[in-house]
Amino acid sequence: MCYNHPMNSRKITQRELRNQSGEILRAVERGETFVITRGGVEVGTLTPVPRRRYVAREAFVAAFAGAAPLDGARFRADIDAVVDQDPTRHA
């Protein structure tokens, strides 16, 4: 089975990962992706964790400053109409 990997991914063997783990992890921190092989067969990928993006509170508040007020009771009724929230049915 063949998987689609990012264009910049580099194939490395399990042995390379073991012997050069520090160098490889530094490359992952820089954004590189690796496809790990064992016996010539792809067994996994090593990819960077996406960076969290923070929005300043002021920017968040400003983005919603012109939004219509939320009617809590109507919102709850809309949610209840489409979501089964009875925990006893999922046991």
N, C-alpha and C. Protein backbone atom coordinates (compact mmCIF):
# COMPACT_ATOMS: atom_id res chain seq x y z
N MET A 1 0.85 -1.17 0.00
CA MET A 1 0.00 0.00 0.00
C MET A 1 0.90 1.24 0.00
N CYS A 2 0.54 2.22 -0.78
CA CYS A 2 1.33 3.44 -0.88
C CYS A 2 0.50 4.61 -0.34
N TYR A 3 1.11 5.44 0.43
CA TYR A 3 0.44 6.59 1.01
C TYR A 3 1.01 7.85 0.39
N ASN A 4 0.21 8.90 0.40
CA ASN A 4 0.68 10.19 -0.09
C ASN A 4 1.41 10.89 1.05
N HIS A 5 2.64 11.27 0.78
CA HIS A 5 3.45 11.98 1.76
C HIS A 5 3.71 13.38 1.25
N PRO A 6 3.99 14.31 2.16
CA PRO A 6 4.34 15.66 1.72
C PRO A 6 5.50 15.62 0.74
N MET A 7 5.52 16.57 -0.17
CA MET A 7 6.55 16.61 -1.21
C MET A 7 7.95 16.69 -0.63
N ASN A 8 8.10 17.32 0.52
CA ASN A 8 9.44 17.49 1.08
C ASN A 8 9.84 16.35 2.02
N SER A 9 9.04 15.26 2.04
CA SER A 9 9.39 14.18 2.96
C SER A 9 10.59 13.40 2.44
N ARG A 10 11.36 12.90 3.36
CA ARG A 10 12.57 12.14 3.03
C ARG A 10 12.46 10.76 3.64
N LYS A 11 12.77 9.74 2.85
CA LYS A 11 12.72 8.37 3.37
C LYS A 11 14.01 8.06 4.11
N ILE A 12 13.83 7.47 5.30
CA ILE A 12 14.97 7.02 6.09
C ILE A 12 14.65 5.63 6.64
N THR A 13 15.68 4.88 6.90
CA THR A 13 15.48 3.54 7.44
C THR A 13 15.33 3.61 8.96
N GLN A 14 14.82 2.53 9.51
CA GLN A 14 14.72 2.41 10.97
C GLN A 14 16.10 2.58 11.60
N ARG A 15 17.11 2.03 10.98
CA ARG A 15 18.47 2.14 11.50
C ARG A 15 18.95 3.59 11.50
N GLU A 16 18.65 4.32 10.43
CA GLU A 16 19.04 5.74 10.39
C GLU A 16 18.35 6.51 11.50
N LEU A 17 17.07 6.21 11.73
CA LEU A 17 16.35 6.88 12.81
C LEU A 17 17.00 6.60 14.15
N ARG A 18 17.35 5.34 14.37
CA ARG A 18 17.99 4.97 15.64
C ARG A 18 19.34 5.65 15.80
N ASN A 19 20.16 5.60 14.76
CA ASN A 19 21.54 6.10 14.86
C ASN A 19 21.66 7.62 14.77
N GLN A 20 20.68 8.28 14.15
CA GLN A 20 20.76 9.73 13.94
C GLN A 20 19.53 10.44 14.52
N SER A 21 18.99 9.90 15.59
CA SER A 21 17.72 10.43 16.10
C SER A 21 17.81 11.91 16.48
N GLY A 22 18.89 12.33 17.09
CA GLY A 22 19.02 13.74 17.47
C GLY A 22 18.98 14.66 16.26
N GLU A 23 19.76 14.33 15.25
CA GLU A 23 19.79 15.13 14.02
C GLU A 23 18.42 15.13 13.34
N ILE A 24 17.79 13.97 13.30
CA ILE A 24 16.49 13.86 12.64
C ILE A 24 15.44 14.66 13.40
N LEU A 25 15.43 14.59 14.71
CA LEU A 25 14.45 15.35 15.49
C LEU A 25 14.67 16.86 15.35
N ARG A 26 15.91 17.29 15.24
CA ARG A 26 16.17 18.72 15.00
C ARG A 26 15.60 19.12 13.63
N ALA A 27 15.72 18.24 12.65
CA ALA A 27 15.16 18.53 11.33
C ALA A 27 13.64 18.58 11.40
N VAL A 28 13.03 17.70 12.17
CA VAL A 28 11.57 17.73 12.35
C VAL A 28 11.16 19.05 12.99
N GLU A 29 11.90 19.50 13.97
CA GLU A 29 11.60 20.80 14.61
C GLU A 29 11.66 21.94 13.60
N ARG A 30 12.50 21.80 12.58
CA ARG A 30 12.61 22.83 11.53
C ARG A 30 11.50 22.70 10.49
N GLY A 31 10.67 21.64 10.62
CA GLY A 31 9.55 21.49 9.69
C GLY A 31 9.67 20.36 8.70
N GLU A 32 10.74 19.58 8.75
CA GLU A 32 10.91 18.48 7.81
C GLU A 32 10.06 17.28 8.22
N THR A 33 9.69 16.47 7.22
CA THR A 33 8.92 15.26 7.44
C THR A 33 9.72 14.07 6.93
N PHE A 34 9.67 12.97 7.66
CA PHE A 34 10.39 11.76 7.29
C PHE A 34 9.43 10.58 7.17
N VAL A 35 9.70 9.73 6.19
CA VAL A 35 8.98 8.48 6.04
C VAL A 35 9.95 7.40 6.53
N ILE A 36 9.53 6.62 7.52
CA ILE A 36 10.39 5.60 8.10
C ILE A 36 10.12 4.27 7.40
N THR A 37 11.20 3.59 7.01
CA THR A 37 11.06 2.28 6.36
C THR A 37 11.77 1.22 7.18
N ARG A 38 11.25 0.00 7.06
CA ARG A 38 11.90 -1.15 7.69
C ARG A 38 11.85 -2.26 6.65
N GLY A 39 13.02 -2.73 6.28
CA GLY A 39 13.09 -3.76 5.25
C GLY A 39 12.55 -3.28 3.91
N GLY A 40 12.68 -1.97 3.65
CA GLY A 40 12.21 -1.39 2.39
C GLY A 40 10.72 -1.08 2.37
N VAL A 41 10.02 -1.38 3.45
CA VAL A 41 8.58 -1.14 3.52
C VAL A 41 8.30 0.08 4.40
N GLU A 42 7.48 0.98 3.92
CA GLU A 42 7.12 2.16 4.70
C GLU A 42 6.29 1.73 5.91
N VAL A 43 6.72 2.17 7.10
CA VAL A 43 6.01 1.79 8.32
C VAL A 43 5.45 2.98 9.09
N GLY A 44 5.87 4.18 8.75
CA GLY A 44 5.34 5.34 9.46
C GLY A 44 5.93 6.63 8.97
N THR A 45 5.38 7.70 9.49
CA THR A 45 5.90 9.03 9.17
C THR A 45 6.23 9.76 10.46
N LEU A 46 7.19 10.60 10.37
CA LEU A 46 7.60 11.46 11.48
C LEU A 46 7.41 12.89 10.99
N THR A 47 6.43 13.57 11.55
CA THR A 47 6.08 14.91 11.08
C THR A 47 6.06 15.89 12.24
N PRO A 48 6.28 17.16 11.96
CA PRO A 48 6.22 18.16 13.02
C PRO A 48 4.79 18.30 13.55
N VAL A 49 4.68 18.59 14.82
CA VAL A 49 3.38 18.90 15.41
C VAL A 49 3.02 20.32 14.98
N PRO A 50 1.79 20.52 14.50
CA PRO A 50 1.42 21.88 14.09
C PRO A 50 1.56 22.86 15.26
N ARG A 51 2.09 24.00 14.97
CA ARG A 51 2.25 25.03 16.00
C ARG A 51 0.90 25.60 16.37
N ARG A 52 0.71 25.87 17.64
CA ARG A 52 -0.53 26.49 18.08
C ARG A 52 -0.52 27.94 17.64
N ARG A 53 -1.69 28.39 17.26
CA ARG A 53 -1.83 29.78 16.86
C ARG A 53 -2.69 30.48 17.90
N TYR A 54 -2.18 31.53 18.46
CA TYR A 54 -2.90 32.27 19.47
C TYR A 54 -3.39 33.58 18.88
N VAL A 55 -4.56 33.95 19.30
CA VAL A 55 -5.13 35.23 18.89
C VAL A 55 -5.26 36.06 20.16
N ALA A 56 -4.78 37.26 20.08
CA ALA A 56 -4.88 38.16 21.22
C ALA A 56 -6.35 38.36 21.58
N ARG A 57 -6.61 38.45 22.88
CA ARG A 57 -7.99 38.62 23.35
C ARG A 57 -8.65 39.81 22.68
N GLU A 58 -7.92 40.90 22.56
CA GLU A 58 -8.48 42.11 21.96
C GLU A 58 -8.90 41.88 20.51
N ALA A 59 -8.09 41.12 19.77
CA ALA A 59 -8.42 40.83 18.37
C ALA A 59 -9.65 39.94 18.29
N PHE A 60 -9.75 38.98 19.20
CA PHE A 60 -10.91 38.08 19.22
C PHE A 60 -12.18 38.86 19.51
N VAL A 61 -12.13 39.70 20.53
CA VAL A 61 -13.31 40.50 20.89
C VAL A 61 -13.69 41.42 19.75
N ALA A 62 -12.71 42.04 19.10
CA ALA A 62 -12.99 42.95 17.99
C ALA A 62 -13.64 42.22 16.82
N ALA A 63 -13.22 40.99 16.57
CA ALA A 63 -13.76 40.22 15.45
C ALA A 63 -15.25 39.94 15.62
N PHE A 64 -15.69 39.81 16.86
CA PHE A 64 -17.09 39.49 17.11
C PHE A 64 -17.89 40.68 17.65
N ALA A 65 -17.30 41.85 17.64
CA ALA A 65 -17.97 43.03 18.19
C ALA A 65 -19.27 43.34 17.46
N GLY A 66 -19.31 43.12 16.16
CA GLY A 66 -20.51 43.44 15.38
C GLY A 66 -21.48 42.29 15.24
N ALA A 67 -21.20 41.17 15.86
CA ALA A 67 -22.07 40.00 15.73
C ALA A 67 -23.37 40.21 16.50
N ALA A 68 -24.40 39.55 16.02
CA ALA A 68 -25.70 39.63 16.70
C ALA A 68 -25.59 38.96 18.07
N PRO A 69 -26.35 39.44 19.04
CA PRO A 69 -26.30 38.82 20.36
C PRO A 69 -26.83 37.37 20.29
N LEU A 70 -26.32 36.54 21.15
CA LEU A 70 -26.69 35.14 21.18
C LEU A 70 -27.84 34.93 22.16
N ASP A 71 -28.88 34.30 21.69
CA ASP A 71 -30.02 33.94 22.54
C ASP A 71 -29.72 32.54 23.07
N GLY A 72 -29.30 32.46 24.33
CA GLY A 72 -28.86 31.20 24.92
C GLY A 72 -29.92 30.10 24.88
N ALA A 73 -31.17 30.44 25.19
CA ALA A 73 -32.23 29.44 25.20
C ALA A 73 -32.49 28.90 23.79
N ARG A 74 -32.49 29.77 22.81
CA ARG A 74 -32.71 29.32 21.42
C ARG A 74 -31.54 28.47 20.94
N PHE A 75 -30.34 28.89 21.30
CA PHE A 75 -29.15 28.12 20.91
C PHE A 75 -29.23 26.71 21.50
N ARG A 76 -29.56 26.61 22.78
CA ARG A 76 -29.67 25.30 23.44
C ARG A 76 -30.76 24.45 22.78
N ALA A 77 -31.89 25.06 22.45
CA ALA A 77 -32.97 24.33 21.79
C ALA A 77 -32.53 23.81 20.42
N ASP A 78 -31.79 24.62 19.69
CA ASP A 78 -31.27 24.19 18.38
C ASP A 78 -30.32 23.01 18.53
N ILE A 79 -29.43 23.07 19.52
CA ILE A 79 -28.49 21.97 19.77
C ILE A 79 -29.26 20.71 20.16
N ASP A 80 -30.21 20.84 21.08
CA ASP A 80 -30.99 19.69 21.53
C ASP A 80 -31.77 19.04 20.38
N ALA A 81 -32.14 19.84 19.40
CA ALA A 81 -32.92 19.32 18.28
C ALA A 81 -32.08 18.42 17.37
N VAL A 82 -30.77 18.59 17.37
CA VAL A 82 -29.94 17.81 16.44
C VAL A 82 -28.94 16.88 17.11
N VAL A 83 -28.73 17.05 18.41
CA VAL A 83 -27.73 16.24 19.11
C VAL A 83 -28.40 15.43 20.21
N ASP A 84 -28.15 14.12 20.19
CA ASP A 84 -28.66 13.25 21.24
C ASP A 84 -27.76 13.39 22.45
N GLN A 85 -28.25 14.02 23.49
CA GLN A 85 -27.44 14.25 24.68
C GLN A 85 -27.85 13.38 25.86
N ASP A 86 -28.55 12.29 25.59
CA ASP A 86 -28.95 11.37 26.65
C ASP A 86 -27.82 10.37 26.88
N PRO A 87 -27.06 10.51 27.99
CA PRO A 87 -25.91 9.63 28.19
C PRO A 87 -26.29 8.17 28.43
N THR A 88 -27.54 7.91 28.82
CA THR A 88 -27.93 6.52 29.08
C THR A 88 -28.07 5.70 27.80
N ARG A 89 -28.26 6.35 26.67
CA ARG A 89 -28.39 5.64 25.40
C ARG A 89 -27.05 5.21 24.82
N HIS A 90 -25.96 5.72 25.36
CA HIS A 90 -24.64 5.43 24.82
C HIS A 90 -23.86 4.47 25.71
N ALA A 91 -24.48 3.98 26.74
CA ALA A 91 -23.77 3.10 27.70
C ALA A 91 -23.63 1.69 27.17
